[in-house]
Amino acid sequence: MKGKLASRLGLAASGFVLWFAIWEWATVAGPLRDVYGIPTARETIGEVVTLASDGTFWEAVAQTLGTTVVALGIATVLGVALGVAMGMSPWVSAALGPLTQFLRPVPAVVVLPLVLLIVGPTTELAIVLAVMGAIWPILIQSQVGVRDVDPVALDTARAMALSKGLTQTSVVLPSALPYVATGVRIATGVALMMCIGAGILGGSPGLGRSIAVAQQSGDPARVFGMLLWAGVIGLLLNAVLASGEHRLSRGRREEVVT
């Protein structure tokens, strides 16, 4: 197991090294050497190191993460509630299904001008956009999880004469939790991207606004350095949530076996 993990980490590291090597060549001696606004990989890595000790930068990161958590919490409550309702009730699914299929492909950024007009360049702008983008993975996974409940478990609940409400809370929802966890993990990345995007395009406080300020100041190395840090933060969040998702799924499998 440890050998496989080390092998995967080694391959991932080699991929990053290759990427940076190609980037450095392209900007120093390749086709991007004369393109303004694209720093070399060496300059960008230097800026990444500089940002690591920049308190203002980490304040912006903390703002963005806080906004992401709030938006993700709202999206989780709404997504799970709607997904469970649509998964358990054919009537609710028939009523809301076409509406969700209509709204889901619409990019959240499309409503940015309208929301910006209403709330201005505030944290609320980022929250609204992040909720609109993050709700869909959670809703869909919740719906699928409810519909994929083990029929034997449902038959057992009926044989024990459990009420509908008790069946939902003790059988349906616990069985759907691994699906919900997957939806939350996917939605976290979406929410983070939307919060950063709201800062870049709409001026919401946080990392996105800092990136926009660096761009307006003509500092491409700082822009790319912040983007790399955003990628690192997203990667770490995904790793933590994937670990929790794996443990939850394994726990559910062990419960089924026992």
Protein backbone atom coordinates (compact mmCIF):
# COMPACT_ATOMS: atom_id res chain seq x y z
CA MET A 1 0.00 0.00 0.00
CA LYS A 2 2.80 2.41 0.97
CA GLY A 3 4.69 1.45 -2.18
CA LYS A 4 1.71 2.32 -4.36
CA LEU A 5 1.26 5.64 -2.57
CA ALA A 6 4.93 6.50 -3.01
CA SER A 7 4.72 5.57 -6.68
CA ARG A 8 1.68 7.79 -7.22
CA LEU A 9 3.29 10.70 -5.40
CA GLY A 10 6.45 10.25 -7.45
CA LEU A 11 4.52 10.29 -10.71
CA ALA A 12 2.57 13.37 -9.60
CA ALA A 13 5.80 15.16 -8.65
CA SER A 14 7.40 14.27 -11.97
CA GLY A 15 4.38 15.71 -13.77
CA PHE A 16 4.77 19.03 -11.97
CA VAL A 17 8.52 19.11 -12.63
CA LEU A 18 7.92 18.47 -16.33
CA TRP A 19 5.25 21.16 -16.45
CA PHE A 20 7.54 23.77 -14.85
CA ALA A 21 10.43 22.75 -17.11
CA ILE A 22 8.31 23.25 -20.23
CA TRP A 23 7.02 26.54 -18.83
CA GLU A 24 10.56 27.80 -18.15
CA TRP A 25 11.77 26.80 -21.61
CA ALA A 26 8.75 28.35 -23.36
CA THR A 27 9.17 31.71 -21.59
CA VAL A 28 12.99 31.88 -21.78
CA ALA A 29 13.85 30.40 -25.17
CA GLY A 30 10.59 29.18 -26.65
CA PRO A 31 7.55 30.73 -28.31
CA LEU A 32 6.49 32.72 -25.23
CA ARG A 33 9.82 34.46 -24.60
CA ASP A 34 8.64 37.79 -26.02
CA VAL A 35 5.05 37.65 -24.75
CA TYR A 36 4.38 40.37 -22.19
CA GLY A 37 2.46 39.33 -19.10
CA ILE A 38 3.72 35.74 -18.87
CA PRO A 39 6.51 35.41 -16.29
CA THR A 40 9.06 32.62 -16.31
CA ALA A 41 8.54 29.62 -14.07
CA ARG A 42 11.53 30.72 -11.98
CA GLU A 43 10.05 34.17 -11.40
CA THR A 44 6.69 32.68 -10.48
CA ILE A 45 8.18 30.19 -8.01
CA GLY A 46 10.13 33.04 -6.44
CA GLU A 47 6.89 34.98 -6.01
CA VAL A 48 5.23 31.89 -4.49
CA VAL A 49 7.99 31.82 -1.87
CA THR A 50 7.59 35.55 -1.22
CA LEU A 51 3.83 35.23 -0.80
CA ALA A 52 4.32 32.50 1.81
CA SER A 53 5.50 35.16 4.28
CA ASP A 54 3.08 37.90 3.17
CA GLY A 55 0.50 38.50 5.89
CA THR A 56 -1.77 40.53 3.62
CA PHE A 57 -1.90 37.65 1.16
CA TRP A 58 -2.91 35.18 3.85
CA GLU A 59 -5.61 37.55 5.10
CA ALA A 60 -7.07 37.49 1.59
CA VAL A 61 -6.82 33.70 1.54
CA ALA A 62 -8.61 33.49 4.90
CA GLN A 63 -11.39 35.75 3.59
CA THR A 64 -11.85 33.55 0.54
CA LEU A 65 -11.84 30.33 2.56
CA GLY A 66 -14.38 31.77 5.00
CA THR A 67 -16.64 32.81 2.15
CA THR A 68 -16.23 29.39 0.57
CA VAL A 69 -17.24 27.63 3.79
CA VAL A 70 -20.36 29.78 4.19
CA ALA A 71 -21.39 29.28 0.57
CA LEU A 72 -20.70 25.55 0.77
CA GLY A 73 -22.80 25.25 3.92
CA ILE A 74 -25.75 26.97 2.25
CA ALA A 75 -25.34 24.90 -0.91
CA THR A 76 -25.17 21.69 1.14
CA VAL A 77 -28.36 22.41 3.07
CA LEU A 78 -30.28 23.37 -0.07
CA GLY A 79 -28.77 20.66 -2.26
CA VAL A 80 -29.36 17.83 0.20
CA ALA A 81 -32.92 18.96 0.96
CA LEU A 82 -33.88 19.23 -2.71
CA GLY A 83 -31.96 16.11 -3.74
CA VAL A 84 -33.51 13.94 -1.05
CA ALA A 85 -36.99 15.27 -1.81
CA MET A 86 -36.56 14.62 -5.54
CA GLY A 87 -35.05 11.20 -4.91
CA MET A 88 -37.83 10.04 -2.62
CA SER A 89 -40.86 11.59 -4.29
CA PRO A 90 -41.69 11.04 -7.98
CA TRP A 91 -44.05 14.01 -7.73
CA VAL A 92 -41.35 16.37 -6.51
CA SER A 93 -38.95 15.01 -9.11
CA ALA A 94 -41.49 15.56 -11.88
CA ALA A 95 -42.16 19.10 -10.68
CA LEU A 96 -38.57 20.23 -10.11
CA GLY A 97 -36.65 17.99 -12.51
CA PRO A 98 -37.21 20.06 -15.67
CA LEU A 99 -36.44 23.28 -13.79
CA THR A 100 -33.15 21.95 -12.43
CA GLN A 101 -32.17 20.60 -15.85
CA PHE A 102 -32.87 24.05 -17.29
CA LEU A 103 -30.89 25.97 -14.66
CA ARG A 104 -27.94 23.60 -14.21
CA PRO A 105 -26.13 24.40 -17.50
CA VAL A 106 -26.40 28.16 -16.89
CA PRO A 107 -22.99 29.43 -15.66
CA ALA A 108 -23.28 31.22 -12.34
CA VAL A 109 -21.05 34.00 -13.65
CA VAL A 110 -23.84 34.99 -16.06
CA VAL A 111 -25.78 36.57 -13.20
CA LEU A 112 -22.73 38.42 -11.86
CA PRO A 113 -23.71 41.81 -13.34
CA LEU A 114 -27.21 41.59 -11.85
CA VAL A 115 -26.02 40.46 -8.41
CA LEU A 116 -23.24 43.06 -8.49
CA LEU A 117 -25.85 45.73 -9.18
CA ILE A 118 -27.92 44.57 -6.20
CA VAL A 119 -25.31 43.88 -3.50
CA GLY A 120 -22.19 45.58 -4.89
CA PRO A 121 -18.61 44.25 -4.67
CA THR A 122 -19.22 42.53 -1.34
CA THR A 123 -18.80 39.13 0.25
CA GLU A 124 -22.48 38.47 -0.49
CA LEU A 125 -21.70 38.62 -4.21
CA ALA A 126 -19.21 35.77 -3.88
CA ILE A 127 -21.59 33.77 -1.69
CA VAL A 128 -24.45 34.02 -4.18
CA LEU A 129 -22.29 32.98 -7.12
CA ALA A 130 -20.63 30.17 -5.17
CA VAL A 131 -23.96 28.76 -3.99
CA MET A 132 -25.32 28.84 -7.54
CA GLY A 133 -22.31 26.90 -8.78
CA ALA A 134 -21.86 24.48 -5.88
CA ILE A 135 -25.44 23.37 -5.31
CA TRP A 136 -25.67 21.14 -8.38
CA PRO A 137 -23.13 18.40 -7.53
CA ILE A 138 -24.65 18.08 -4.06
CA LEU A 139 -28.22 18.00 -5.33
CA ILE A 140 -27.49 15.40 -8.00
CA GLN A 141 -25.43 13.17 -5.70
CA SER A 142 -28.08 13.36 -2.97
CA GLN A 143 -30.77 12.37 -5.44
CA VAL A 144 -28.72 9.45 -6.78
CA GLY A 145 -27.81 8.33 -3.26
CA VAL A 146 -31.43 8.23 -2.13
CA ARG A 147 -32.46 6.24 -5.19
CA ASP A 148 -29.58 3.79 -4.72
CA VAL A 149 -30.54 2.67 -1.22
CA ASP A 150 -30.25 -1.09 -0.71
CA PRO A 151 -33.72 -2.61 -1.34
CA VAL A 152 -33.05 -5.20 1.36
CA ALA A 153 -32.64 -2.43 3.92
CA LEU A 154 -35.93 -0.88 2.84
CA ASP A 155 -37.69 -4.26 3.02
CA THR A 156 -36.29 -4.77 6.51
CA ALA A 157 -37.60 -1.37 7.58
CA ARG A 158 -41.04 -2.24 6.23
CA ALA A 159 -40.97 -5.61 8.00
CA MET A 160 -40.17 -3.82 11.25
CA ALA A 161 -43.13 -1.48 10.60
CA LEU A 162 -40.95 1.62 10.79
CA SER A 163 -42.67 4.88 10.03
CA LYS A 164 -41.82 6.73 6.83
CA GLY A 165 -39.97 9.43 8.72
CA LEU A 166 -37.94 6.93 10.74
CA THR A 167 -37.12 4.98 7.58
CA GLN A 168 -35.81 8.14 5.97
CA THR A 169 -33.63 9.14 8.92
CA SER A 170 -32.36 5.69 9.90
CA VAL A 171 -32.07 3.95 6.51
CA VAL A 172 -32.26 6.30 3.53
CA LEU A 173 -30.13 9.23 4.68
CA PRO A 174 -27.28 7.16 6.20
CA SER A 175 -27.09 5.09 3.01
CA ALA A 176 -26.94 8.24 0.91
CA LEU A 177 -24.17 9.88 2.96
CA PRO A 178 -21.25 8.61 0.82
CA TYR A 179 -22.93 10.07 -2.26
CA VAL A 180 -23.50 13.36 -0.47
CA ALA A 181 -19.85 13.40 0.61
CA THR A 182 -18.78 13.02 -3.01
CA GLY A 183 -21.05 15.87 -4.01
CA VAL A 184 -19.65 18.10 -1.26
CA ARG A 185 -16.07 17.32 -2.31
CA ILE A 186 -16.80 18.28 -5.92
CA ALA A 187 -18.80 21.33 -4.84
CA THR A 188 -15.95 22.58 -2.65
CA GLY A 189 -13.71 23.10 -5.65
CA VAL A 190 -16.53 24.81 -7.52
CA ALA A 191 -17.29 27.12 -4.59
CA LEU A 192 -13.62 28.05 -4.21
CA MET A 193 -13.33 28.86 -7.91
CA MET A 194 -16.50 30.95 -7.87
CA CYS A 195 -15.36 32.92 -4.81
CA ILE A 196 -12.03 33.69 -6.46
CA GLY A 197 -13.77 34.53 -9.73
CA ALA A 198 -16.17 36.87 -7.95
CA GLY A 199 -13.17 38.74 -6.58
CA ILE A 200 -11.44 38.98 -9.96
CA LEU A 201 -14.51 40.01 -11.94
CA GLY A 202 -16.69 41.68 -9.32
CA GLY A 203 -14.28 42.97 -6.70
CA SER A 204 -15.44 40.79 -3.81
CA PRO A 205 -13.01 40.80 -0.86
CA GLY A 206 -10.46 38.00 -0.82
CA LEU A 207 -7.90 36.30 -3.00
CA GLY A 208 -9.65 37.15 -6.26
CA ARG A 209 -9.53 40.88 -5.56
CA SER A 210 -5.82 40.59 -4.68
CA ILE A 211 -5.20 38.87 -8.02
CA ALA A 212 -7.08 41.64 -9.83
CA VAL A 213 -5.07 44.34 -8.02
CA ALA A 214 -1.79 42.63 -8.94
CA GLN A 215 -2.92 42.43 -12.57
CA GLN A 216 -3.87 46.10 -12.63
CA SER A 217 -0.49 46.97 -11.09
CA GLY A 218 1.32 45.22 -13.93
CA ASP A 219 2.82 42.45 -11.76
CA PRO A 220 2.26 39.20 -13.70
CA ALA A 221 4.63 37.19 -11.50
CA ARG A 222 2.49 38.01 -8.46
CA VAL A 223 -0.67 37.13 -10.39
CA PHE A 224 0.72 33.74 -11.39
CA GLY A 225 2.10 33.18 -7.90
CA MET A 226 -1.34 33.73 -6.37
CA LEU A 227 -2.89 31.45 -8.96
CA LEU A 228 -0.42 28.71 -8.03
CA TRP A 229 -1.26 29.16 -4.36
CA ALA A 230 -4.96 28.93 -5.23
CA GLY A 231 -4.22 25.63 -6.96
CA VAL A 232 -2.30 24.34 -3.93
CA ILE A 233 -5.14 25.30 -1.59
CA GLY A 234 -7.69 23.60 -3.84
CA LEU A 235 -5.52 20.48 -4.03
CA LEU A 236 -5.20 20.29 -0.25
CA LEU A 237 -8.94 20.78 0.28
CA ASN A 238 -9.70 18.03 -2.22
CA ALA A 239 -7.22 15.66 -0.55
CA VAL A 240 -8.72 16.23 2.90
CA LEU A 241 -12.28 15.77 1.68
CA ALA A 242 -11.36 12.73 -0.42
CA SER A 243 -9.85 11.11 2.67
CA GLY A 244 -13.02 11.77 4.65
CA GLU A 245 -15.14 10.51 1.78
CA HIS A 246 -13.09 7.29 1.61
CA ARG A 247 -13.45 6.68 5.33
CA LEU A 248 -17.19 7.31 5.20
CA SER A 249 -17.64 4.93 2.26
CA ARG A 250 -15.53 2.28 3.97
CA GLY A 251 -17.54 2.65 7.16
CA ARG A 252 -20.80 2.19 5.27
CA ARG A 253 -19.46 -0.94 3.54
CA GLU A 254 -18.42 -2.40 6.89
CA GLU A 255 -21.89 -1.71 8.31
CA VAL A 256 -23.49 -3.47 5.34
CA VAL A 257 -21.20 -6.49 5.76
CA THR A 258 -21.91 -6.76 9.48
